[in-house]
Amino acid sequence: MEAMFYALAIKFLDKTELRKVKEKINMTLLGQMLMEDGIEKGEMTKLVSLVMKKMKKGLSPEETAELLEESPDCVSRIYAAVQANPGLDENGIFEFMKKKDREKD
């Protein structure tokens, strides 16, 4: 789709107009990436919140994973992060986990 759009743009637009079109497309891609990051953060923050509630009720990571239909590894990571940082809320736990993931890479 983009290739066809570029072919038409090259045929009908001058260099300045082409540059503007390219900038708009790149901004759109950046916007899409930022939106996807926001959705991922929202989903993960919600999961952390749910796991924290189950922890307070005394459920094990395995029970929580089964109840929430999530992977036991993911839930265990959240349990470990919450236990290591008892004063953090779900956003803080998300940021802590994200930082740990970056350190692994």
Protein backbone atom coordinates (compact mmCIF):
# COMPACT_ATOMS: atom_id res chain seq x y z
CA MET A 1 0.00 0.00 0.00
CA GLU A 2 2.74 2.46 0.97
CA ALA A 3 4.75 1.55 -2.13
CA MET A 4 1.82 2.38 -4.38
CA PHE A 5 1.24 5.63 -2.50
CA TYR A 6 4.91 6.60 -2.92
CA ALA A 7 4.81 5.76 -6.64
CA LEU A 8 1.82 8.04 -7.14
CA ALA A 9 3.35 10.76 -4.98
CA ILE A 10 6.62 10.70 -6.96
CA LYS A 11 4.68 11.01 -10.19
CA PHE A 12 2.57 14.01 -9.14
CA LEU A 13 4.46 15.91 -6.40
CA ASP A 14 7.62 17.99 -6.37
CA LYS A 15 10.51 17.38 -3.91
CA THR A 16 9.21 19.75 -1.24
CA GLU A 17 5.75 18.22 -1.31
CA LEU A 18 7.25 14.71 -1.25
CA ARG A 19 9.30 15.60 1.83
CA LYS A 20 6.17 16.86 3.59
CA VAL A 21 4.26 13.69 2.71
CA LYS A 22 7.13 11.52 3.95
CA GLU A 23 7.25 13.45 7.25
CA LYS A 24 3.50 12.99 7.72
CA ILE A 25 3.76 9.24 7.10
CA ASN A 26 6.67 8.91 9.54
CA MET A 27 4.79 10.87 12.18
CA THR A 28 1.86 8.56 11.68
CA LEU A 29 4.07 5.50 12.18
CA LEU A 30 5.56 7.07 15.29
CA GLY A 31 2.08 7.84 16.52
CA GLN A 32 1.06 4.23 15.96
CA MET A 33 4.09 2.99 17.90
CA LEU A 34 3.33 5.31 20.80
CA MET A 35 -0.29 4.21 20.81
CA GLU A 36 0.72 0.53 20.87
CA ASP A 37 3.07 1.23 23.78
CA GLY A 38 0.24 2.93 25.65
CA ILE A 39 -2.11 0.01 25.06
CA GLU A 40 0.54 -2.45 26.23
CA LYS A 41 1.14 -0.40 29.37
CA GLY A 42 -2.59 -0.20 30.10
CA GLU A 43 -3.09 -3.94 29.68
CA MET A 44 -0.08 -4.81 31.81
CA THR A 45 -0.98 -2.28 34.51
CA LYS A 46 -4.47 -3.79 34.70
CA LEU A 47 -2.98 -7.28 35.01
CA VAL A 48 -0.62 -6.10 37.78
CA SER A 49 -3.60 -4.56 39.59
CA LEU A 50 -5.59 -7.80 39.37
CA VAL A 51 -2.62 -9.87 40.54
CA MET A 52 -2.08 -7.54 43.50
CA LYS A 53 -5.72 -8.01 44.52
CA LYS A 54 -5.36 -11.78 44.35
CA MET A 55 -2.15 -11.59 46.40
CA LYS A 56 -4.00 -9.67 49.12
CA LYS A 57 -6.58 -12.46 49.20
CA GLY A 58 -3.79 -14.97 49.80
CA LEU A 59 -3.88 -16.77 46.46
CA SER A 60 -0.71 -18.43 45.19
CA PRO A 61 0.85 -17.40 41.86
CA GLU A 62 -0.36 -20.66 40.32
CA GLU A 63 -3.94 -20.13 41.52
CA THR A 64 -3.87 -16.54 40.31
CA ALA A 65 -2.50 -17.54 36.90
CA GLU A 66 -5.23 -20.13 36.47
CA LEU A 67 -7.97 -17.78 37.65
CA LEU A 68 -6.84 -14.94 35.37
CA GLU A 69 -5.97 -17.28 32.49
CA GLU A 70 -2.44 -15.88 32.30
CA SER A 71 0.90 -17.64 32.06
CA PRO A 72 2.28 -18.82 35.40
CA ASP A 73 5.67 -17.30 34.53
CA CYS A 74 4.17 -13.86 33.97
CA VAL A 75 2.15 -13.97 37.18
CA SER A 76 5.16 -15.23 39.15
CA ARG A 77 7.22 -12.30 37.85
CA ILE A 78 4.53 -9.90 39.02
CA TYR A 79 4.39 -11.58 42.44
CA ALA A 80 8.17 -11.27 42.77
CA ALA A 81 8.11 -7.60 41.73
CA VAL A 82 5.34 -6.78 44.22
CA GLN A 83 7.11 -8.62 47.03
CA ALA A 84 10.36 -6.79 46.25
CA ASN A 85 8.58 -3.41 46.15
CA PRO A 86 5.67 -3.49 48.63
CA GLY A 87 5.20 0.29 48.58
CA LEU A 88 4.64 0.61 44.83
CA ASP A 89 1.26 0.77 43.12
CA GLU A 90 0.48 -1.01 39.85
CA ASN A 91 2.10 1.75 37.76
CA GLY A 92 5.25 1.58 39.85
CA ILE A 93 5.37 -2.20 39.55
CA PHE A 94 4.94 -1.94 35.77
CA GLU A 95 7.82 0.54 35.54
CA PHE A 96 9.99 -1.64 37.83
CA MET A 97 9.35 -4.69 35.65
CA LYS A 98 10.01 -2.74 32.45
CA LYS A 99 13.30 -1.50 33.88
CA LYS A 100 14.30 -5.06 34.83
CA ASP A 101 13.49 -6.23 31.30
CA ARG A 102 15.70 -3.49 29.81
CA GLU A 103 18.56 -4.50 32.12
CA LYS A 104 18.35 -8.08 30.79
CA ASP A 105 18.76 -6.88 27.20
